Structures are given as structure tokens and as C-alpha cells.
C-alpha atoms as a PDB file:
ATOM      1  CA  UNK A   1     -30.612 -16.119  -2.110  1.00  0.00           C
ATOM      2  CA  UNK A   2     -28.188 -14.883   0.545  1.00  0.00           C
ATOM      3  CA  UNK A   3     -25.269 -16.511  -1.290  1.00  0.00           C
ATOM      4  CA  UNK A   4     -26.290 -14.856  -4.565  1.00  0.00           C
ATOM      5  CA  UNK A   5     -26.486 -11.472  -2.831  1.00  0.00           C
ATOM      6  CA  UNK A   6     -23.019 -11.962  -1.352  1.00  0.00           C
ATOM      7  CA  UNK A   7     -21.516 -12.753  -4.735  1.00  0.00           C
ATOM      8  CA  UNK A   8     -22.992  -9.621  -6.300  1.00  0.00           C
ATOM      9  CA  UNK A   9     -21.893  -7.339  -3.464  1.00  0.00           C
ATOM     10  CA  UNK A  10     -18.764  -5.381  -4.480  1.00  0.00           C
ATOM     11  CA  UNK A  11     -15.484  -6.428  -2.869  1.00  0.00           C
ATOM     12  CA  UNK A  12     -14.572  -2.773  -2.311  1.00  0.00           C
ATOM     13  CA  UNK A  13     -16.640   0.413  -2.189  1.00  0.00           C
ATOM     14  CA  UNK A  14     -15.429   3.962  -1.629  1.00  0.00           C
ATOM     15  CA  UNK A  15     -17.765   6.945  -1.365  1.00  0.00           C
ATOM     16  CA  UNK A  16     -16.324  10.448  -1.150  1.00  0.00           C
ATOM     17  CA  UNK A  17     -13.120   9.258   0.503  1.00  0.00           C
ATOM     18  CA  UNK A  18     -10.458  11.830   1.313  1.00  0.00           C
ATOM     19  CA  UNK A  19      -7.184  11.865   3.245  1.00  0.00           C
ATOM     20  CA  UNK A  20      -5.947  15.166   4.649  1.00  0.00           C
ATOM     21  CA  UNK A  21      -2.529  16.007   6.046  1.00  0.00           C
ATOM     22  CA  UNK A  22      -1.482  19.145   7.892  1.00  0.00           C
ATOM     23  CA  UNK A  23       1.685  20.640   6.518  1.00  0.00           C
ATOM     24  CA  UNK A  24       3.976  22.952   8.446  1.00  0.00           C
ATOM     25  CA  UNK A  25       4.787  25.866   6.202  1.00  0.00           C
ATOM     26  CA  UNK A  26       7.670  27.020   8.400  1.00  0.00           C
ATOM     27  CA  UNK A  27       9.956  24.073   7.728  1.00  0.00           C
ATOM     28  CA  UNK A  28      13.218  23.684   9.636  1.00  0.00           C
ATOM     29  CA  UNK A  29      15.748  21.570   7.820  1.00  0.00           C
ATOM     30  CA  UNK A  30      18.589  21.292  10.320  1.00  0.00           C
ATOM     31  CA  UNK A  31      19.428  21.617  14.012  1.00  0.00           C
ATOM     32  CA  UNK A  32      21.448  24.732  13.210  1.00  0.00           C
ATOM     33  CA  UNK A  33      18.466  26.379  11.504  1.00  0.00           C
ATOM     34  CA  UNK A  34      16.238  25.415  14.434  1.00  0.00           C
ATOM     35  CA  UNK A  35      18.588  27.057  16.951  1.00  0.00           C
ATOM     36  CA  UNK A  36      18.979  30.170  14.806  1.00  0.00           C
ATOM     37  CA  UNK A  37      15.206  30.445  14.390  1.00  0.00           C
ATOM     38  CA  UNK A  38      14.597  30.126  18.143  1.00  0.00           C
ATOM     39  CA  UNK A  39      17.366  32.611  18.989  1.00  0.00           C
ATOM     40  CA  UNK A  40      16.042  35.162  16.491  1.00  0.00           C
ATOM     41  CA  UNK A  41      12.507  34.862  17.842  1.00  0.00           C
ATOM     42  CA  UNK A  42      13.735  35.177  21.445  1.00  0.00           C
ATOM     43  CA  UNK A  43      15.731  38.276  20.536  1.00  0.00           C
ATOM     44  CA  UNK A  44      12.691  39.907  19.004  1.00  0.00           C
ATOM     45  CA  UNK A  45      10.637  39.145  22.096  1.00  0.00           C
ATOM     46  CA  UNK A  46      13.262  40.682  24.361  1.00  0.00           C
ATOM     47  CA  UNK A  47      13.352  43.809  22.199  1.00  0.00           C
ATOM     48  CA  UNK A  48       9.578  43.993  22.088  1.00  0.00           C
ATOM     49  CA  UNK A  49       9.470  43.481  18.355  1.00  0.00           C
ATOM     50  CA  UNK A  50       7.536  40.216  18.205  1.00  0.00           C
ATOM     51  CA  UNK A  51       4.367  40.867  16.293  1.00  0.00           C
ATOM     52  CA  UNK A  52       1.293  38.731  15.816  1.00  0.00           C
ATOM     53  CA  UNK A  53       1.721  36.658  12.681  1.00  0.00           C
ATOM     54  CA  UNK A  54      -0.929  37.227  10.070  1.00  0.00           C
ATOM     55  CA  UNK A  55      -0.164  34.169   7.946  1.00  0.00           C
ATOM     56  CA  UNK A  56      -0.826  30.586   8.969  1.00  0.00           C
ATOM     57  CA  UNK A  57       2.046  28.347   9.993  1.00  0.00           C
ATOM     58  CA  UNK A  58       0.202  25.231   8.870  1.00  0.00           C
ATOM     59  CA  UNK A  59      -2.018  24.343   5.961  1.00  0.00           C
ATOM     60  CA  UNK A  60      -4.135  21.424   4.823  1.00  0.00           C
ATOM     61  CA  UNK A  61      -2.988  19.128   2.067  1.00  0.00           C
ATOM     62  CA  UNK A  62      -5.435  16.617   0.610  1.00  0.00           C
ATOM     63  CA  UNK A  63      -3.550  13.579  -0.676  1.00  0.00           C
ATOM     64  CA  UNK A  64      -6.812  12.280  -2.119  1.00  0.00           C
ATOM     65  CA  UNK A  65     -10.264  13.900  -2.235  1.00  0.00           C
ATOM     66  CA  UNK A  66     -13.747  12.763  -3.184  1.00  0.00           C
ATOM     67  CA  UNK A  67     -12.649   9.292  -4.302  1.00  0.00           C
ATOM     68  CA  UNK A  68     -15.674   7.167  -5.184  1.00  0.00           C
ATOM     69  CA  UNK A  69     -15.627   3.832  -6.986  1.00  0.00           C
ATOM     70  CA  UNK A  70     -16.532   0.199  -6.470  1.00  0.00           C
ATOM     71  CA  UNK A  71     -14.665  -2.983  -7.346  1.00  0.00           C
ATOM     72  CA  UNK A  72     -16.783  -6.028  -8.270  1.00  0.00           C
ATOM     73  CA  UNK A  73     -15.654  -9.400  -6.996  1.00  0.00           C
ATOM     74  CA  UNK A  74     -13.281 -11.231  -9.290  1.00  0.00           C
ATOM     75  CA  UNK A  75     -12.213  -8.106 -11.196  1.00  0.00           C
ATOM     76  CA  UNK A  76      -8.675  -6.771 -11.619  1.00  0.00           C
ATOM     77  CA  UNK A  77      -8.571  -2.976 -11.600  1.00  0.00           C
ATOM     78  CA  UNK A  78      -5.467  -0.962 -12.370  1.00  0.00           C
ATOM     79  CA  UNK A  79      -4.869   2.385 -10.695  1.00  0.00           C
ATOM     80  CA  UNK A  80      -2.917   4.664 -12.998  1.00  0.00           C
ATOM     81  CA  UNK A  81      -1.572   8.184 -12.785  1.00  0.00           C
ATOM     82  CA  UNK A  82       1.652  10.087 -12.366  1.00  0.00           C
ATOM     83  CA  UNK A  83       3.739  10.012  -9.191  1.00  0.00           C
ATOM     84  CA  UNK A  84       1.938  11.920  -6.449  1.00  0.00           C
ATOM     85  CA  UNK A  85      -1.492  11.438  -8.004  1.00  0.00           C
ATOM     86  CA  UNK A  86      -2.800   9.532  -4.964  1.00  0.00           C
ATOM     87  CA  UNK A  87      -2.548   5.902  -6.065  1.00  0.00           C
ATOM     88  CA  UNK A  88      -0.592   4.577  -3.079  1.00  0.00           C
ATOM     89  CA  UNK A  89      -2.661   6.632  -0.630  1.00  0.00           C
ATOM     90  CA  UNK A  90      -5.840   5.109  -2.050  1.00  0.00           C
ATOM     91  CA  UNK A  91      -4.414   1.610  -1.697  1.00  0.00           C
ATOM     92  CA  UNK A  92      -3.331   2.318   1.880  1.00  0.00           C
ATOM     93  CA  UNK A  93      -6.848   3.410   2.767  1.00  0.00           C
ATOM     94  CA  UNK A  94      -8.348   0.265   1.263  1.00  0.00           C
ATOM     95  CA  UNK A  95      -5.811  -1.974   3.001  1.00  0.00           C
ATOM     96  CA  UNK A  96      -6.411  -0.298   6.369  1.00  0.00           C
ATOM     97  CA  UNK A  97      -2.973   1.277   6.709  1.00  0.00           C
ATOM     98  CA  UNK A  98      -4.519   4.767   6.622  1.00  0.00           C
ATOM     99  CA  UNK A  99      -7.857   5.926   7.995  1.00  0.00           C
ATOM    100  CA  UNK A 100      -9.762   8.309   5.711  1.00  0.00           C
ATOM    101  CA  UNK A 101     -10.377  11.834   6.933  1.00  0.00           C
ATOM    102  CA  UNK A 102     -13.758  11.843   5.257  1.00  0.00           C
ATOM    103  CA  UNK A 103     -16.012   9.550   3.278  1.00  0.00           C
ATOM    104  CA  UNK A 104     -17.094   5.938   3.640  1.00  0.00           C
ATOM    105  CA  UNK A 105     -15.291   2.698   2.885  1.00  0.00           C
ATOM    106  CA  UNK A 106     -16.370  -0.946   2.727  1.00  0.00           C
ATOM    107  CA  UNK A 107     -13.916  -3.801   2.197  1.00  0.00           C
ATOM    108  CA  UNK A 108     -15.282  -7.338   2.226  1.00  0.00           C
ATOM    109  CA  UNK A 109     -13.161 -10.443   2.706  1.00  0.00           C
ATOM    110  CA  UNK A 110      -9.550 -11.095   3.654  1.00  0.00           C
ATOM    111  CA  UNK A 111      -7.142  -8.467   2.349  1.00  0.00           C
ATOM    112  CA  UNK A 112      -3.474  -8.977   1.569  1.00  0.00           C
ATOM    113  CA  UNK A 113      -1.469  -5.927   0.541  1.00  0.00           C
ATOM    114  CA  UNK A 114       2.010  -5.422  -0.849  1.00  0.00           C
ATOM    115  CA  UNK A 115       2.252  -1.648  -1.034  1.00  0.00           C
ATOM    116  CA  UNK A 116       5.718  -0.609   0.125  1.00  0.00           C
ATOM    117  CA  UNK A 117       8.890  -2.650  -0.106  1.00  0.00           C
ATOM    118  CA  UNK A 118       9.547  -4.154   3.306  1.00  0.00           C
ATOM    119  CA  UNK A 119       6.398  -2.694   4.860  1.00  0.00           C
ATOM    120  CA  UNK A 120       5.179  -4.859   7.721  1.00  0.00           C
ATOM    121  CA  UNK A 121       8.523  -6.570   8.205  1.00  0.00           C
ATOM    122  CA  UNK A 122      10.444  -6.250  11.461  1.00  0.00           C
ATOM    123  CA  UNK A 123      14.087  -5.788  10.424  1.00  0.00           C
ATOM    124  CA  UNK A 124      15.340  -7.441  13.616  1.00  0.00           C
ATOM    125  CA  UNK A 125      13.396 -10.643  12.968  1.00  0.00           C
ATOM    126  CA  UNK A 126      14.430 -13.360  10.563  1.00  0.00           C
ATOM    127  CA  UNK A 127      12.591 -14.049   7.348  1.00  0.00           C
ATOM    128  CA  UNK A 128      10.965 -17.074   8.935  1.00  0.00           C
ATOM    129  CA  UNK A 129       9.827 -15.109  11.984  1.00  0.00           C
ATOM    130  CA  UNK A 130       8.418 -12.387   9.740  1.00  0.00           C
ATOM    131  CA  UNK A 131       6.424 -14.979   7.814  1.00  0.00           C
ATOM    132  CA  UNK A 132       4.772 -16.181  11.009  1.00  0.00           C
ATOM    133  CA  UNK A 133       4.119 -12.619  12.122  1.00  0.00           C
ATOM    134  CA  UNK A 134       2.725 -11.480   8.767  1.00  0.00           C
ATOM    135  CA  UNK A 135       0.525 -14.555   8.422  1.00  0.00           C
ATOM    136  CA  UNK A 136      -0.907 -14.000  11.900  1.00  0.00           C
ATOM    137  CA  UNK A 137      -1.832 -10.439  10.939  1.00  0.00           C
ATOM    138  CA  UNK A 138      -3.706 -11.920   7.979  1.00  0.00           C
ATOM    139  CA  UNK A 139      -5.628 -14.189  10.329  1.00  0.00           C
ATOM    140  CA  UNK A 140      -3.751 -17.467   9.947  1.00  0.00           C
ATOM    141  CA  UNK A 141      -2.938 -19.597  12.973  1.00  0.00           C
ATOM    142  CA  UNK A 142       0.598 -20.729  13.666  1.00  0.00           C
ATOM    143  CA  UNK A 143      -0.370 -24.267  12.656  1.00  0.00           C
ATOM    144  CA  UNK A 144      -1.804 -23.036   9.337  1.00  0.00           C
ATOM    145  CA  UNK A 145       1.335 -21.007   8.667  1.00  0.00           C
ATOM    146  CA  UNK A 146       3.555 -24.001   9.446  1.00  0.00           C
ATOM    147  CA  UNK A 147       1.813 -25.925   6.653  1.00  0.00           C
ATOM    148  CA  UNK A 148       2.502 -23.109   4.186  1.00  0.00           C
ATOM    149  CA  UNK A 149       5.958 -21.929   5.180  1.00  0.00           C
ATOM    150  CA  UNK A 150       7.992 -24.261   2.975  1.00  0.00           C
ATOM    151  CA  UNK A 151       5.911 -23.253  -0.020  1.00  0.00           C
ATOM    152  CA  UNK A 152       6.392 -19.546   0.806  1.00  0.00           C
ATOM    153  CA  UNK A 153      10.144 -19.930   1.247  1.00  0.00           C
ATOM    154  CA  UNK A 154      10.515 -21.909  -1.973  1.00  0.00           C
ATOM    155  CA  UNK A 155       8.514 -19.395  -3.992  1.00  0.00           C
ATOM    156  CA  UNK A 156      10.643 -16.560  -2.585  1.00  0.00           C
ATOM    157  CA  UNK A 157      13.819 -18.536  -3.369  1.00  0.00           C
ATOM    158  CA  UNK A 158      15.214 -17.697   0.058  1.00  0.00           C
ATOM    159  CA  UNK A 159      15.948 -21.137   1.467  1.00  0.00           C
ATOM    160  CA  UNK A 160      19.575 -20.198   2.271  1.00  0.00           C
ATOM    161  CA  UNK A 161      18.620 -16.863   3.862  1.00  0.00           C
ATOM    162  CA  UNK A 162      15.298 -17.456   5.597  1.00  0.00           C
ATOM    163  CA  UNK A 163      16.844 -17.583   9.084  1.00  0.00           C
ATOM    164  CA  UNK A 164      18.791 -14.356   8.548  1.00  0.00           C
ATOM    165  CA  UNK A 165      17.492 -11.020   9.937  1.00  0.00           C
ATOM    166  CA  UNK A 166      15.711  -9.270   7.107  1.00  0.00           C
ATOM    167  CA  UNK A 167      17.686  -6.078   7.741  1.00  0.00           C
ATOM    168  CA  UNK A 168      20.402  -7.841   5.742  1.00  0.00           C
ATOM    169  CA  UNK A 169      18.105  -8.527   2.776  1.00  0.00           C
ATOM    170  CA  UNK A 170      18.479  -6.778  -0.557  1.00  0.00           C
ATOM    171  CA  UNK A 171      15.501  -5.004  -2.128  1.00  0.00           C
ATOM    172  CA  UNK A 172      14.984  -8.006  -4.393  1.00  0.00           C
ATOM    173  CA  UNK A 173      14.893 -10.379  -1.421  1.00  0.00           C
ATOM    174  CA  UNK A 174      12.381  -8.122   0.339  1.00  0.00           C
ATOM    175  CA  UNK A 175      10.201  -8.162  -2.766  1.00  0.00           C
ATOM    176  CA  UNK A 176      10.345 -11.936  -3.140  1.00  0.00           C
ATOM    177  CA  UNK A 177       9.476 -12.595   0.497  1.00  0.00           C
ATOM    178  CA  UNK A 178       6.739  -9.973   0.565  1.00  0.00           C
ATOM    179  CA  UNK A 179       5.045 -11.194  -2.594  1.00  0.00           C
ATOM    180  CA  UNK A 180       5.326 -14.858  -1.620  1.00  0.00           C
ATOM    181  CA  UNK A 181       3.703 -14.166   1.744  1.00  0.00           C
ATOM    182  CA  UNK A 182       1.038 -11.778   0.473  1.00  0.00           C
ATOM    183  CA  UNK A 183      -0.182 -14.202  -2.180  1.00  0.00           C
ATOM    184  CA  UNK A 184      -0.017 -17.403  -0.114  1.00  0.00           C
ATOM    185  CA  UNK A 185      -2.416 -16.401   2.667  1.00  0.00           C
ATOM    186  CA  UNK A 186      -5.296 -16.934   0.213  1.00  0.00           C
ATOM    187  CA  UNK A 187      -6.724 -13.395   0.269  1.00  0.00           C
ATOM    188  CA  UNK A 188     -10.059 -12.433  -1.249  1.00  0.00           C
ATOM    189  CA  UNK A 189      -8.555  -9.084  -2.223  1.00  0.00           C
ATOM    190  CA  UNK A 190      -4.931  -8.737  -3.339  1.00  0.00           C
ATOM    191  CA  UNK A 191      -3.399  -5.245  -3.450  1.00  0.00           C
ATOM    192  CA  UNK A 192      -0.113  -4.912  -5.343  1.00  0.00           C
ATOM    193  CA  UNK A 193       1.803  -1.664  -5.790  1.00  0.00           C
ATOM    194  CA  UNK A 194       4.766  -1.735  -8.194  1.00  0.00           C
ATOM    195  CA  UNK A 195       6.227  -4.954  -6.800  1.00  0.00           C
ATOM    196  CA  UNK A 196       6.640  -6.433 -10.279  1.00  0.00           C
ATOM    197  CA  UNK A 197       9.213  -3.741 -11.042  1.00  0.00           C
ATOM    198  CA  UNK A 198      11.535  -5.193  -8.388  1.00  0.00           C
ATOM    199  CA  UNK A 199      13.478  -8.410  -8.827  1.00  0.00           C
ATOM    200  CA  UNK A 200      14.936 -10.245 -11.776  1.00  0.00           C
ATOM    201  CA  UNK A 201      13.057 -11.338 -14.887  1.00  0.00           C
ATOM    202  CA  UNK A 202      12.439 -14.963 -13.786  1.00  0.00           C
ATOM    203  CA  UNK A 203      10.900 -13.817 -10.491  1.00  0.00           C
ATOM    204  CA  UNK A 204       8.762 -11.202 -12.233  1.00  0.00           C
ATOM    205  CA  UNK A 205       7.406 -13.966 -14.450  1.00  0.00           C
ATOM    206  CA  UNK A 206       6.598 -16.078 -11.377  1.00  0.00           C
ATOM    207  CA  UNK A 207       4.658 -13.121  -9.957  1.00  0.00           C
ATOM    208  CA  UNK A 208       2.746 -12.697 -13.205  1.00  0.00           C
ATOM    209  CA  UNK A 209       1.881 -16.397 -13.309  1.00  0.00           C
ATOM    210  CA  UNK A 210       0.616 -16.321  -9.741  1.00  0.00           C
ATOM    211  CA  UNK A 211      -1.509 -13.248 -10.397  1.00  0.00           C
ATOM    212  CA  UNK A 212      -2.974 -14.980 -13.430  1.00  0.00           C
ATOM    213  CA  UNK A 213      -3.892 -17.932 -11.221  1.00  0.00           C
ATOM    214  CA  UNK A 214      -5.598 -15.489  -8.824  1.00  0.00           C
ATOM    215  CA  UNK A 215      -7.688 -14.117 -11.665  1.00  0.00           C
ATOM    216  CA  UNK A 216      -8.720 -17.619 -12.721  1.00  0.00           C
ATOM    217  CA  UNK A 217      -9.837 -18.294  -9.132  1.00  0.00           C
ATOM    218  CA  UNK A 218     -12.090 -15.209  -9.269  1.00  0.00           C
ATOM    219  CA  UNK A 219     -10.033 -13.214  -6.766  1.00  0.00           C
ATOM    220  CA  UNK A 220     -10.217  -9.421  -6.698  1.00  0.00           C
ATOM    221  CA  UNK A 221      -7.021  -7.530  -7.508  1.00  0.00           C
ATOM    222  CA  UNK A 222      -6.062  -3.863  -7.214  1.00  0.00           C
ATOM    223  CA  UNK A 223      -2.887  -3.268  -9.173  1.00  0.00           C
ATOM    224  CA  UNK A 224      -0.603  -0.252  -9.532  1.00  0.00           C
ATOM    225  CA  UNK A 225       2.165  -0.157 -12.103  1.00  0.00           C
ATOM    226  CA  UNK A 226       3.853   2.430 -14.298  1.00  0.00           C
ATOM    227  CA  UNK A 227       4.303  -0.296 -16.906  1.00  0.00           C
ATOM    228  CA  UNK A 228       1.495   0.154 -19.483  1.00  0.00           C
ATOM    229  CA  UNK A 229       2.028  -3.378 -20.763  1.00  0.00           C
ATOM    230  CA  UNK A 230       1.553  -4.882 -17.294  1.00  0.00           C
ATOM    231  CA  UNK A 231      -1.654  -2.873 -16.848  1.00  0.00           C
ATOM    232  CA  UNK A 232      -2.897  -4.052 -20.226  1.00  0.00           C
ATOM    233  CA  UNK A 233      -1.986  -7.681 -19.523  1.00  0.00           C
ATOM    234  CA  UNK A 234      -3.643  -7.963 -16.098  1.00  0.00           C
ATOM    235  CA  UNK A 235      -6.389  -5.411 -15.686  1.00  0.00           C
ATOM    236  CA  UNK A 236      -9.995  -5.638 -16.768  1.00  0.00           C
ATOM    237  CA  UNK A 237     -10.340  -1.876 -16.444  1.00  0.00           C
ATOM    238  CA  UNK A 238      -8.463   1.113 -15.027  1.00  0.00           C
ATOM    239  CA  UNK A 239      -9.058   4.159 -12.852  1.00  0.00           C
ATOM    240  CA  UNK A 240      -6.834   7.157 -13.499  1.00  0.00           C
ATOM    241  CA  UNK A 241      -5.995   9.517 -10.647  1.00  0.00           C
ATOM    242  CA  UNK A 242      -4.787  13.058 -11.084  1.00  0.00           C
ATOM    243  CA  UNK A 243      -3.910  15.459  -8.260  1.00  0.00           C
ATOM    244  CA  UNK A 244      -5.634  13.234  -5.738  1.00  0.00           C
ATOM    245  CA  UNK A 245      -8.910  12.932  -7.630  1.00  0.00           C
ATOM    246  CA  UNK A 246     -10.371  10.512 -10.130  1.00  0.00           C
ATOM    247  CA  UNK A 247      -9.578  11.701 -13.643  1.00  0.00           C
ATOM    248  CA  UNK A 248     -11.252   8.930 -15.589  1.00  0.00           C
ATOM    249  CA  UNK A 249     -13.571   6.583 -13.708  1.00  0.00           C
ATOM    250  CA  UNK A 250     -13.846   2.932 -14.596  1.00  0.00           C
ATOM    251  CA  UNK A 251     -16.617   2.194 -17.107  1.00  0.00           C
END
């Protein structure tokens, strides 16, 4: 009975989730402008002309607001929407990179996220060292990682570069290492943001094949892509975001 209840419990639930940033409306774009601004303000004070400002110097910006949806286990959901609609922010909240300003969030099981190219990598460490570090963050022991590392390196096609600091990697190499690591730690929930748009065609096909294998193993996937064909190929349903809110909820 307990096992049946666990299987029917959603992998992800969001209720009224919002992320708020405070924006400075008096932006300073250079050191010169900063010095001029300070000098002007000081001059006004000395001449007794400084007046109380009536407008705010900061304002609230909601990257996402009132986001509510659930993701059943074993389902692949695509997040769609134009740039700036809140897709990446939503994924960052679910993956734990960002804490919501408001609302409630439940994520069940091991999460592996590939949201930003190179995110989570230390540029001063080698590819091999970053694998061990990233795997430990995902909860794997050093011994468990050692059993997987050859497979990760081979999938990423980085055998000749794995002991090189990743600061010297190209964007394609970052993508290959990140995807290989994120999908080899056996997550219950895989979060992928636009990674399939990076890399050559053969590697993109390898990524697609691996994601298909995840679906067959009843893993949960949250997928963001601006490629309508990729969304159609992988996703069971979609959620469209617009201006930080859900525009069309999943059926």
C-alpha cells in the first residue's frame, strides 16, 4: 500500500511559487558615471539643494509569479515560452539553485539538472576532478563515481582532454561533459535546459537516445527547448509560460 502511494505521488509539485528580485532603478554603468553621480550629489548637499526624493530608487521584479503545477512520475514535460518568460527560473527553483520568494515546492527523489552551460563546474579543476565533485553533490560516493567515470568520459568523448582544466574547454566540450555527468548519476528527475542545441549532430543524437532510454525507464524529465520538433519528439505534454506566469497549463 505504501509503495503504491509512493508511485502515485507526483515527482514535482509547485503551489503559488514566485521569485522576486529587487531592481535598482538608478543604474550606474561605469566608474566614471559613478564618480560624476557622487560628485554631483555632494555638490548639491554643500549648496543646500539636496531634496528628499519622491520616487523609489528600487523596485520589485517578479521573474515568476503564482506558478502552480505538478509533474507525475515517469512523465516528460516541456516548458515553452519566449525568452524571459520564466522557464529557466522555474527550473532553477525546482533544482534547488534558487529559493522561491513565495509559494510551496515539493521535489521527490534524486535530481540532476543541466540548466546553464558550465554551471557547477570549477574552471580551475580538470574535467576528471569536476566529475568527482559533481557526482558527490548528487550523492554518489567516490567509489561509486570511480565505477562510472570511464563511462562518463567515453560518452562525453573527452578522453584526450579529461585531465585538462575545464577553463580551456569549448562550449561543446562543456555541454558534452555536463550532459554525460547529469545523466549518469541515475537521477529520478532529469532537468535539461537547451543543452541539445549545443554540440554537433552526432552528439545531439546521443543525447536524444539517452533521454529516450530515461523515458523507457519511467524517469521524470523537465525539458526546455526552443526547437518545436524536439518538444514534440520528447514531451508527453507542455506548460507554456508568458511574462513569468503560466499561459497554458498542462492538461
